């Protein structure tokens, strides 16, 4: 099956300093985390390494399509139950 993002919900995980979202492969749920540093890079916030929760969620929304593309790419290299996307994943 193909990884799909059926639910646009996302939330900020304070402990991981990342935005959490869910993908689906058929009936299987796959958790993803995007680190705040990756969102700062994706949002082209030069010089800022610390983003607030609302800035992370806004950056996620602005880059949602590319984040989903990176998540699909990561998932294609091996099926796991969760993935953490870092700045290095966004080229």
PDB file of N, CA and C in Angstrom:
ATOM      1  N   UNK A   1       0.834  -1.184   0.000  1.00  0.00           N
ATOM      2  CA  UNK A   1       0.000   0.000   0.000  1.00  0.00           C
ATOM      3  C   UNK A   1       0.879   1.248   0.000  1.00  0.00           C
ATOM      4  N   UNK A   2       0.258   2.354  -0.225  1.00  0.00           N
ATOM      5  CA  UNK A   2       0.927   3.643  -0.247  1.00  0.00           C
ATOM      6  C   UNK A   2       0.658   4.393   1.048  1.00  0.00           C
ATOM      7  N   UNK A   3       1.652   5.125   1.487  1.00  0.00           N
ATOM      8  CA  UNK A   3       1.494   5.936   2.685  1.00  0.00           C
ATOM      9  C   UNK A   3       0.611   7.134   2.360  1.00  0.00           C
ATOM     10  N   UNK A   4      -0.427   7.319   3.161  1.00  0.00           N
ATOM     11  CA  UNK A   4      -1.361   8.424   2.958  1.00  0.00           C
ATOM     12  C   UNK A   4      -1.504   9.208   4.252  1.00  0.00           C
ATOM     13  N   UNK A   5      -1.845  10.462   4.107  1.00  0.00           N
ATOM     14  CA  UNK A   5      -2.042  11.340   5.262  1.00  0.00           C
ATOM     15  C   UNK A   5      -3.498  11.782   5.238  1.00  0.00           C
ATOM     16  N   UNK A   6      -4.336  10.952   5.835  1.00  0.00           N
ATOM     17  CA  UNK A   6      -5.777  11.139   5.771  1.00  0.00           C
ATOM     18  C   UNK A   6      -6.285  12.172   6.768  1.00  0.00           C
ATOM     19  N   UNK A   7      -5.550  12.372   7.834  1.00  0.00           N
ATOM     20  CA  UNK A   7      -5.977  13.271   8.904  1.00  0.00           C
ATOM     21  C   UNK A   7      -4.985  14.437   8.976  1.00  0.00           C
ATOM     22  N   UNK A   8      -5.431  15.655   8.749  1.00  0.00           N
ATOM     23  CA  UNK A   8      -4.506  16.794   8.751  1.00  0.00           C
ATOM     24  C   UNK A   8      -4.070  17.253  10.152  1.00  0.00           C
ATOM     25  N   UNK A   9      -4.530  16.554  11.189  1.00  0.00           N
ATOM     26  CA  UNK A   9      -4.174  16.945  12.551  1.00  0.00           C
ATOM     27  C   UNK A   9      -2.672  16.832  12.772  1.00  0.00           C
ATOM     28  N   UNK A  10      -2.166  17.739  13.588  1.00  0.00           N
ATOM     29  CA  UNK A  10      -0.784  17.708  14.013  1.00  0.00           C
ATOM     30  C   UNK A  10      -0.741  18.331  15.388  1.00  0.00           C
ATOM     31  N   UNK A  11       0.278  17.965  16.160  1.00  0.00           N
ATOM     32  CA  UNK A  11       0.393  18.517  17.506  1.00  0.00           C
ATOM     33  C   UNK A  11       1.868  18.698  17.832  1.00  0.00           C
ATOM     34  N   UNK A  12       2.114  19.541  18.814  1.00  0.00           N
ATOM     35  CA  UNK A  12       3.487  19.798  19.224  1.00  0.00           C
ATOM     36  C   UNK A  12       3.815  18.908  20.414  1.00  0.00           C
ATOM     37  N   UNK A  13       4.933  18.208  20.316  1.00  0.00           N
ATOM     38  CA  UNK A  13       5.409  17.351  21.401  1.00  0.00           C
ATOM     39  C   UNK A  13       6.527  18.104  22.114  1.00  0.00           C
ATOM     40  N   UNK A  14       6.218  18.631  23.286  1.00  0.00           N
ATOM     41  CA  UNK A  14       7.172  19.457  24.032  1.00  0.00           C
ATOM     42  C   UNK A  14       8.432  18.675  24.402  1.00  0.00           C
ATOM     43  N   UNK A  15       8.283  17.430  24.802  1.00  0.00           N
ATOM     44  CA  UNK A  15       9.432  16.622  25.216  1.00  0.00           C
ATOM     45  C   UNK A  15      10.411  16.394  24.068  1.00  0.00           C
ATOM     46  N   UNK A  16       9.894  16.178  22.873  1.00  0.00           N
ATOM     47  CA  UNK A  16      10.749  15.931  21.703  1.00  0.00           C
ATOM     48  C   UNK A  16      11.093  17.203  20.943  1.00  0.00           C
ATOM     49  N   UNK A  17      10.427  18.312  21.291  1.00  0.00           N
ATOM     50  CA  UNK A  17      10.601  19.564  20.538  1.00  0.00           C
ATOM     51  C   UNK A  17      10.377  19.292  19.049  1.00  0.00           C
ATOM     52  N   UNK A  18       9.205  18.720  18.775  1.00  0.00           N
ATOM     53  CA  UNK A  18       8.877  18.310  17.413  1.00  0.00           C
ATOM     54  C   UNK A  18       7.372  18.345  17.207  1.00  0.00           C
ATOM     55  N   UNK A  19       6.986  18.432  15.942  1.00  0.00           N
ATOM     56  CA  UNK A  19       5.570  18.345  15.579  1.00  0.00           C
ATOM     57  C   UNK A  19       5.276  16.891  15.208  1.00  0.00           C
ATOM     58  N   UNK A  20       4.215  16.381  15.781  1.00  0.00           N
ATOM     59  CA  UNK A  20       3.809  14.993  15.556  1.00  0.00           C
ATOM     60  C   UNK A  20       2.644  14.964  14.580  1.00  0.00           C
ATOM     61  N   UNK A  21       2.690  14.011  13.643  1.00  0.00           N
ATOM     62  CA  UNK A  21       1.571  13.794  12.725  1.00  0.00           C
ATOM     63  C   UNK A  21       1.519  12.311  12.373  1.00  0.00           C
ATOM     64  N   UNK A  22       0.422  11.898  11.795  1.00  0.00           N
ATOM     65  CA  UNK A  22       0.165  10.478  11.550  1.00  0.00           C
ATOM     66  C   UNK A  22      -0.021  10.219  10.062  1.00  0.00           C
ATOM     67  N   UNK A  23       0.582   9.122   9.612  1.00  0.00           N
ATOM     68  CA  UNK A  23       0.368   8.622   8.260  1.00  0.00           C
ATOM     69  C   UNK A  23      -0.313   7.263   8.353  1.00  0.00           C
ATOM     70  N   UNK A  24      -0.893   6.821   7.253  1.00  0.00           N
ATOM     71  CA  UNK A  24      -1.563   5.522   7.226  1.00  0.00           C
ATOM     72  C   UNK A  24      -1.094   4.718   6.018  1.00  0.00           C
ATOM     73  N   UNK A  25      -0.774   3.468   6.287  1.00  0.00           N
ATOM     74  CA  UNK A  25      -0.450   2.507   5.235  1.00  0.00           C
ATOM     75  C   UNK A  25      -1.490   1.408   5.377  1.00  0.00           C
ATOM     76  N   UNK A  26      -2.554   1.547   4.594  1.00  0.00           N
ATOM     77  CA  UNK A  26      -3.682   0.634   4.765  1.00  0.00           C
ATOM     78  C   UNK A  26      -4.280   0.839   6.141  1.00  0.00           C
ATOM     79  N   UNK A  27      -4.355  -0.235   6.916  1.00  0.00           N
ATOM     80  CA  UNK A  27      -4.911  -0.125   8.256  1.00  0.00           C
ATOM     81  C   UNK A  27      -3.859   0.183   9.315  1.00  0.00           C
ATOM     82  N   UNK A  28      -2.600   0.290   8.916  1.00  0.00           N
ATOM     83  CA  UNK A  28      -1.516   0.561   9.858  1.00  0.00           C
ATOM     84  C   UNK A  28      -1.276   2.061  10.013  1.00  0.00           C
ATOM     85  N   UNK A  29      -1.130   2.476  11.261  1.00  0.00           N
ATOM     86  CA  UNK A  29      -0.855   3.869  11.582  1.00  0.00           C
ATOM     87  C   UNK A  29       0.650   4.030  11.780  1.00  0.00           C
ATOM     88  N   UNK A  30       1.210   5.077  11.188  1.00  0.00           N
ATOM     89  CA  UNK A  30       2.642   5.345  11.282  1.00  0.00           C
ATOM     90  C   UNK A  30       2.821   6.743  11.849  1.00  0.00           C
ATOM     91  N   UNK A  31       3.554   6.843  12.969  1.00  0.00           N
ATOM     92  CA  UNK A  31       3.778   8.138  13.616  1.00  0.00           C
ATOM     93  C   UNK A  31       5.026   8.809  13.042  1.00  0.00           C
ATOM     94  N   UNK A  32       4.923  10.098  12.857  1.00  0.00           N
ATOM     95  CA  UNK A  32       6.046  10.904  12.392  1.00  0.00           C
ATOM     96  C   UNK A  32       6.248  12.074  13.328  1.00  0.00           C
ATOM     97  N   UNK A  33       7.511  12.454  13.499  1.00  0.00           N
ATOM     98  CA  UNK A  33       7.886  13.645  14.247  1.00  0.00           C
ATOM     99  C   UNK A  33       8.791  14.467  13.352  1.00  0.00           C
ATOM    100  N   UNK A  34       8.564  15.764  13.298  1.00  0.00           N
ATOM    101  CA  UNK A  34       9.456  16.682  12.575  1.00  0.00           C
ATOM    102  C   UNK A  34      10.091  17.585  13.621  1.00  0.00           C
ATOM    103  N   UNK A  35      11.411  17.487  13.750  1.00  0.00           N
ATOM    104  CA  UNK A  35      12.113  18.289  14.748  1.00  0.00           C
ATOM    105  C   UNK A  35      11.950  19.779  14.462  1.00  0.00           C
ATOM    106  N   UNK A  36      11.935  20.581  15.522  1.00  0.00           N
ATOM    107  CA  UNK A  36      11.802  22.033  15.383  1.00  0.00           C
ATOM    108  C   UNK A  36      12.912  22.601  14.498  1.00  0.00           C
ATOM    109  N   UNK A  37      14.115  22.065  14.594  1.00  0.00           N
ATOM    110  CA  UNK A  37      15.221  22.524  13.749  1.00  0.00           C
ATOM    111  C   UNK A  37      14.957  22.301  12.272  1.00  0.00           C
ATOM    112  N   UNK A  38      14.306  21.209  11.946  1.00  0.00           N
ATOM    113  CA  UNK A  38      13.943  20.937  10.549  1.00  0.00           C
ATOM    114  C   UNK A  38      12.876  21.915  10.078  1.00  0.00           C
ATOM    115  N   UNK A  39      11.957  22.249  10.960  1.00  0.00           N
ATOM    116  CA  UNK A  39      10.914  23.213  10.601  1.00  0.00           C
ATOM    117  C   UNK A  39      11.505  24.599  10.419  1.00  0.00           C
ATOM    118  N   UNK A  40      12.497  24.942  11.220  1.00  0.00           N
ATOM    119  CA  UNK A  40      13.166  26.235  11.059  1.00  0.00           C
ATOM    120  C   UNK A  40      13.855  26.288   9.709  1.00  0.00           C
ATOM    121  N   UNK A  41      14.482  25.169   9.315  1.00  0.00           N
ATOM    122  CA  UNK A  41      15.151  25.103   8.012  1.00  0.00           C
ATOM    123  C   UNK A  41      14.118  25.134   6.887  1.00  0.00           C
ATOM    124  N   UNK A  42      13.061  24.346   7.037  1.00  0.00           N
ATOM    125  CA  UNK A  42      12.020  24.288   6.001  1.00  0.00           C
ATOM    126  C   UNK A  42      11.342  25.640   5.838  1.00  0.00           C
ATOM    127  N   UNK A  43      11.213  26.361   6.940  1.00  0.00           N
ATOM    128  CA  UNK A  43      10.584  27.676   6.897  1.00  0.00           C
ATOM    129  C   UNK A  43      11.557  28.784   6.562  1.00  0.00           C
ATOM    130  N   UNK A  44      12.809  28.412   6.293  1.00  0.00           N
ATOM    131  CA  UNK A  44      13.858  29.374   5.915  1.00  0.00           C
ATOM    132  C   UNK A  44      14.009  30.490   6.940  1.00  0.00           C
ATOM    133  N   UNK A  45      14.041  30.119   8.209  1.00  0.00           N
ATOM    134  CA  UNK A  45      14.225  31.096   9.285  1.00  0.00           C
ATOM    135  C   UNK A  45      15.709  31.142   9.633  1.00  0.00           C
ATOM    136  N   UNK A  46      16.461  31.802   8.794  1.00  0.00           N
ATOM    137  CA  UNK A  46      17.907  31.873   8.954  1.00  0.00           C
ATOM    138  C   UNK A  46      18.281  32.415  10.329  1.00  0.00           C
ATOM    139  N   UNK A  47      19.210  31.731  10.963  1.00  0.00           N
ATOM    140  CA  UNK A  47      19.713  32.197  12.233  1.00  0.00           C
ATOM    141  C   UNK A  47      18.879  31.838  13.442  1.00  0.00           C
ATOM    142  N   UNK A  48      17.699  31.291  13.261  1.00  0.00           N
ATOM    143  CA  UNK A  48      16.850  30.930  14.407  1.00  0.00           C
ATOM    144  C   UNK A  48      16.883  29.424  14.598  1.00  0.00           C
ATOM    145  N   UNK A  49      17.281  29.018  15.769  1.00  0.00           N
ATOM    146  CA  UNK A  49      17.293  27.584  16.054  1.00  0.00           C
ATOM    147  C   UNK A  49      16.161  27.191  16.984  1.00  0.00           C
ATOM    148  N   UNK A  50      15.627  28.138  17.726  1.00  0.00           N
ATOM    149  CA  UNK A  50      14.539  27.866  18.660  1.00  0.00           C
ATOM    150  C   UNK A  50      13.242  28.489  18.140  1.00  0.00           C
ATOM    151  N   UNK A  51      12.257  27.660  17.948  1.00  0.00           N
ATOM    152  CA  UNK A  51      10.944  28.139  17.529  1.00  0.00           C
ATOM    153  C   UNK A  51       9.947  27.847  18.639  1.00  0.00           C
ATOM    154  N   UNK A  52       8.975  28.705  18.800  1.00  0.00           N
ATOM    155  CA  UNK A  52       7.914  28.456  19.771  1.00  0.00           C
ATOM    156  C   UNK A  52       6.984  27.364  19.224  1.00  0.00           C
ATOM    157  N   UNK A  53       6.116  26.880  20.089  1.00  0.00           N
ATOM    158  CA  UNK A  53       5.142  25.874  19.663  1.00  0.00           C
ATOM    159  C   UNK A  53       4.303  26.391  18.501  1.00  0.00           C
ATOM    160  N   UNK A  54       3.777  27.598  18.613  1.00  0.00           N
ATOM    161  CA  UNK A  54       2.921  28.128  17.539  1.00  0.00           C
ATOM    162  C   UNK A  54       3.721  28.353  16.261  1.00  0.00           C
ATOM    163  N   UNK A  55       4.979  28.766  16.368  1.00  0.00           N
ATOM    164  CA  UNK A  55       5.818  28.933  15.173  1.00  0.00           C
ATOM    165  C   UNK A  55       6.091  27.585  14.504  1.00  0.00           C
ATOM    166  N   UNK A  56       6.296  26.548  15.316  1.00  0.00           N
ATOM    167  CA  UNK A  56       6.509  25.209  14.750  1.00  0.00           C
ATOM    168  C   UNK A  56       5.275  24.733  14.003  1.00  0.00           C
ATOM    169  N   UNK A  57       4.109  24.911  14.596  1.00  0.00           N
ATOM    170  CA  UNK A  57       2.868  24.475  13.946  1.00  0.00           C
ATOM    171  C   UNK A  57       2.595  25.274  12.677  1.00  0.00           C
ATOM    172  N   UNK A  58       2.879  26.570  12.713  1.00  0.00           N
ATOM    173  CA  UNK A  58       2.697  27.410  11.520  1.00  0.00           C
ATOM    174  C   UNK A  58       3.668  27.000  10.417  1.00  0.00           C
ATOM    175  N   UNK A  59       4.928  26.737  10.794  1.00  0.00           N
ATOM    176  CA  UNK A  59       5.927  26.300   9.814  1.00  0.00           C
ATOM    177  C   UNK A  59       5.533  24.946   9.223  1.00  0.00           C
ATOM    178  N   UNK A  60       5.000  24.053  10.055  1.00  0.00           N
ATOM    179  CA  UNK A  60       4.534  22.755   9.568  1.00  0.00           C
ATOM    180  C   UNK A  60       3.432  22.952   8.536  1.00  0.00           C
ATOM    181  N   UNK A  61       2.451  23.772   8.855  1.00  0.00           N
ATOM    182  CA  UNK A  61       1.342  24.013   7.934  1.00  0.00           C
ATOM    183  C   UNK A  61       1.825  24.594   6.609  1.00  0.00           C
ATOM    184  N   UNK A  62       2.789  25.508   6.673  1.00  0.00           N
ATOM    185  CA  UNK A  62       3.303  26.151   5.462  1.00  0.00           C
ATOM    186  C   UNK A  62       4.084  25.174   4.583  1.00  0.00           C
ATOM    187  N   UNK A  63       4.718  24.181   5.204  1.00  0.00           N
ATOM    188  CA  UNK A  63       5.561  23.244   4.456  1.00  0.00           C
ATOM    189  C   UNK A  63       4.960  21.840   4.400  1.00  0.00           C
ATOM    190  N   UNK A  64       3.682  21.733   4.675  1.00  0.00           N
ATOM    191  CA  UNK A  64       3.026  20.420   4.795  1.00  0.00           C
ATOM    192  C   UNK A  64       3.299  19.504   3.605  1.00  0.00           C
ATOM    193  N   UNK A  65       3.161  19.998   2.383  1.00  0.00           N
ATOM    194  CA  UNK A  65       3.345  19.141   1.207  1.00  0.00           C
ATOM    195  C   UNK A  65       4.763  18.579   1.153  1.00  0.00           C
ATOM    196  N   UNK A  66       5.760  19.423   1.355  1.00  0.00           N
ATOM    197  CA  UNK A  66       7.143  18.927   1.307  1.00  0.00           C
ATOM    198  C   UNK A  66       7.437  18.007   2.494  1.00  0.00           C
ATOM    199  N   UNK A  67       6.847  18.275   3.644  1.00  0.00           N
ATOM    200  CA  UNK A  67       7.028  17.389   4.801  1.00  0.00           C
ATOM    201  C   UNK A  67       6.439  16.014   4.497  1.00  0.00           C
ATOM    202  N   UNK A  68       5.259  15.969   3.912  1.00  0.00           N
ATOM    203  CA  UNK A  68       4.662  14.692   3.533  1.00  0.00           C
ATOM    204  C   UNK A  68       5.539  13.958   2.519  1.00  0.00           C
ATOM    205  N   UNK A  69       6.115  14.688   1.564  1.00  0.00           N
ATOM    206  CA  UNK A  69       7.001  14.072   0.576  1.00  0.00           C
ATOM    207  C   UNK A  69       8.220  13.459   1.249  1.00  0.00           C
ATOM    208  N   UNK A  70       8.812  14.182   2.191  1.00  0.00           N
ATOM    209  CA  UNK A  70       9.981  13.669   2.920  1.00  0.00           C
ATOM    210  C   UNK A  70       9.575  12.466   3.772  1.00  0.00           C
ATOM    211  N   UNK A  71       8.409  12.514   4.379  1.00  0.00           N
ATOM    212  CA  UNK A  71       7.923  11.390   5.181  1.00  0.00           C
ATOM    213  C   UNK A  71       7.724  10.150   4.308  1.00  0.00           C
ATOM    214  N   UNK A  72       7.159  10.321   3.136  1.00  0.00           N
ATOM    215  CA  UNK A  72       6.972   9.186   2.221  1.00  0.00           C
ATOM    216  C   UNK A  72       8.319   8.600   1.813  1.00  0.00           C
ATOM    217  N   UNK A  73       9.288   9.478   1.544  1.00  0.00           N
ATOM    218  CA  UNK A  73      10.628   9.019   1.170  1.00  0.00           C
ATOM    219  C   UNK A  73      11.254   8.216   2.314  1.00  0.00           C
ATOM    220  N   UNK A  74      11.183   8.721   3.532  1.00  0.00           N
ATOM    221  CA  UNK A  74      11.736   8.007   4.687  1.00  0.00           C
ATOM    222  C   UNK A  74      11.044   6.651   4.856  1.00  0.00           C
ATOM    223  N   UNK A  75       9.742   6.637   4.698  1.00  0.00           N
ATOM    224  CA  UNK A  75       8.970   5.406   4.870  1.00  0.00           C
ATOM    225  C   UNK A  75       9.318   4.377   3.787  1.00  0.00           C
ATOM    226  N   UNK A  76       9.655   4.838   2.613  1.00  0.00           N
ATOM    227  CA  UNK A  76       9.963   3.919   1.510  1.00  0.00           C
ATOM    228  C   UNK A  76      11.258   3.143   1.726  1.00  0.00           C
ATOM    229  N   UNK A  77      12.106   3.602   2.643  1.00  0.00           N
ATOM    230  CA  UNK A  77      13.387   2.939   2.902  1.00  0.00           C
ATOM    231  C   UNK A  77      13.292   1.865   3.982  1.00  0.00           C
ATOM    232  N   UNK A  78      12.130   1.659   4.520  1.00  0.00           N
ATOM    233  CA  UNK A  78      11.955   0.626   5.534  1.00  0.00           C
ATOM    234  C   UNK A  78      10.760   0.946   6.393  1.00  0.00           C
ATOM    235  N   UNK A  79       9.920  -0.014   6.591  1.00  0.00           N
ATOM    236  CA  UNK A  79       8.688   0.199   7.329  1.00  0.00           C
ATOM    237  C   UNK A  79       8.949   0.079   8.838  1.00  0.00           C
ATOM    238  N   UNK A  80       8.714   1.182   9.548  1.00  0.00           N
ATOM    239  CA  UNK A  80       8.836   1.205  11.006  1.00  0.00           C
ATOM    240  C   UNK A  80       7.546   1.780  11.579  1.00  0.00           C
ATOM    241  N   UNK A  81       7.435   1.776  12.888  1.00  0.00           N
ATOM    242  CA  UNK A  81       6.219   2.292  13.515  1.00  0.00           C
ATOM    243  C   UNK A  81       6.276   3.795  13.735  1.00  0.00           C
ATOM    244  N   UNK A  82       7.490   4.376  13.784  1.00  0.00           N
ATOM    245  CA  UNK A  82       7.603   5.834  13.879  1.00  0.00           C
ATOM    246  C   UNK A  82       8.907   6.308  13.254  1.00  0.00           C
ATOM    247  N   UNK A  83       8.898   7.564  12.850  1.00  0.00           N
ATOM    248  CA  UNK A  83      10.045   8.197  12.196  1.00  0.00           C
ATOM    249  C   UNK A  83      10.232   9.585  12.782  1.00  0.00           C
ATOM    250  N   UNK A  84      11.477   9.991  12.931  1.00  0.00           N
ATOM    251  CA  UNK A  84      11.788  11.366  13.317  1.00  0.00           C
ATOM    252  C   UNK A  84      12.512  12.003  12.141  1.00  0.00           C
ATOM    253  N   UNK A  85      11.902  13.039  11.580  1.00  0.00           N
ATOM    254  CA  UNK A  85      12.496  13.764  10.459  1.00  0.00           C
ATOM    255  C   UNK A  85      13.331  14.909  11.009  1.00  0.00           C
ATOM    256  N   UNK A  86      14.567  15.010  10.536  1.00  0.00           N
ATOM    257  CA  UNK A  86      15.487  16.048  10.998  1.00  0.00           C
ATOM    258  C   UNK A  86      15.807  16.991   9.850  1.00  0.00           C
ATOM    259  N   UNK A  87      16.548  18.035  10.146  1.00  0.00           N
ATOM    260  CA  UNK A  87      16.935  19.005   9.112  1.00  0.00           C
ATOM    261  C   UNK A  87      17.680  18.327   7.978  1.00  0.00           C
ATOM    262  N   UNK A  88      18.458  17.292   8.267  1.00  0.00           N
ATOM    263  CA  UNK A  88      19.211  16.583   7.232  1.00  0.00           C
ATOM    264  C   UNK A  88      18.301  15.903   6.200  1.00  0.00           C
ATOM    265  N   UNK A  89      17.069  15.608   6.579  1.00  0.00           N
ATOM    266  CA  UNK A  89      16.124  14.963   5.644  1.00  0.00           C
ATOM    267  C   UNK A  89      15.570  15.943   4.612  1.00  0.00           C
ATOM    268  N   UNK A  90      15.697  17.233   4.876  1.00  0.00           N
ATOM    269  CA  UNK A  90      15.162  18.253   3.980  1.00  0.00           C
ATOM    270  C   UNK A  90      16.321  18.874   3.210  1.00  0.00           C
ATOM    271  N   UNK A  91      16.474  18.481   1.961  1.00  0.00           N
ATOM    272  CA  UNK A  91      17.602  18.963   1.152  1.00  0.00           C
ATOM    273  C   UNK A  91      17.151  19.974   0.150  1.00  0.00           C
TER     274      UNK A  91
END
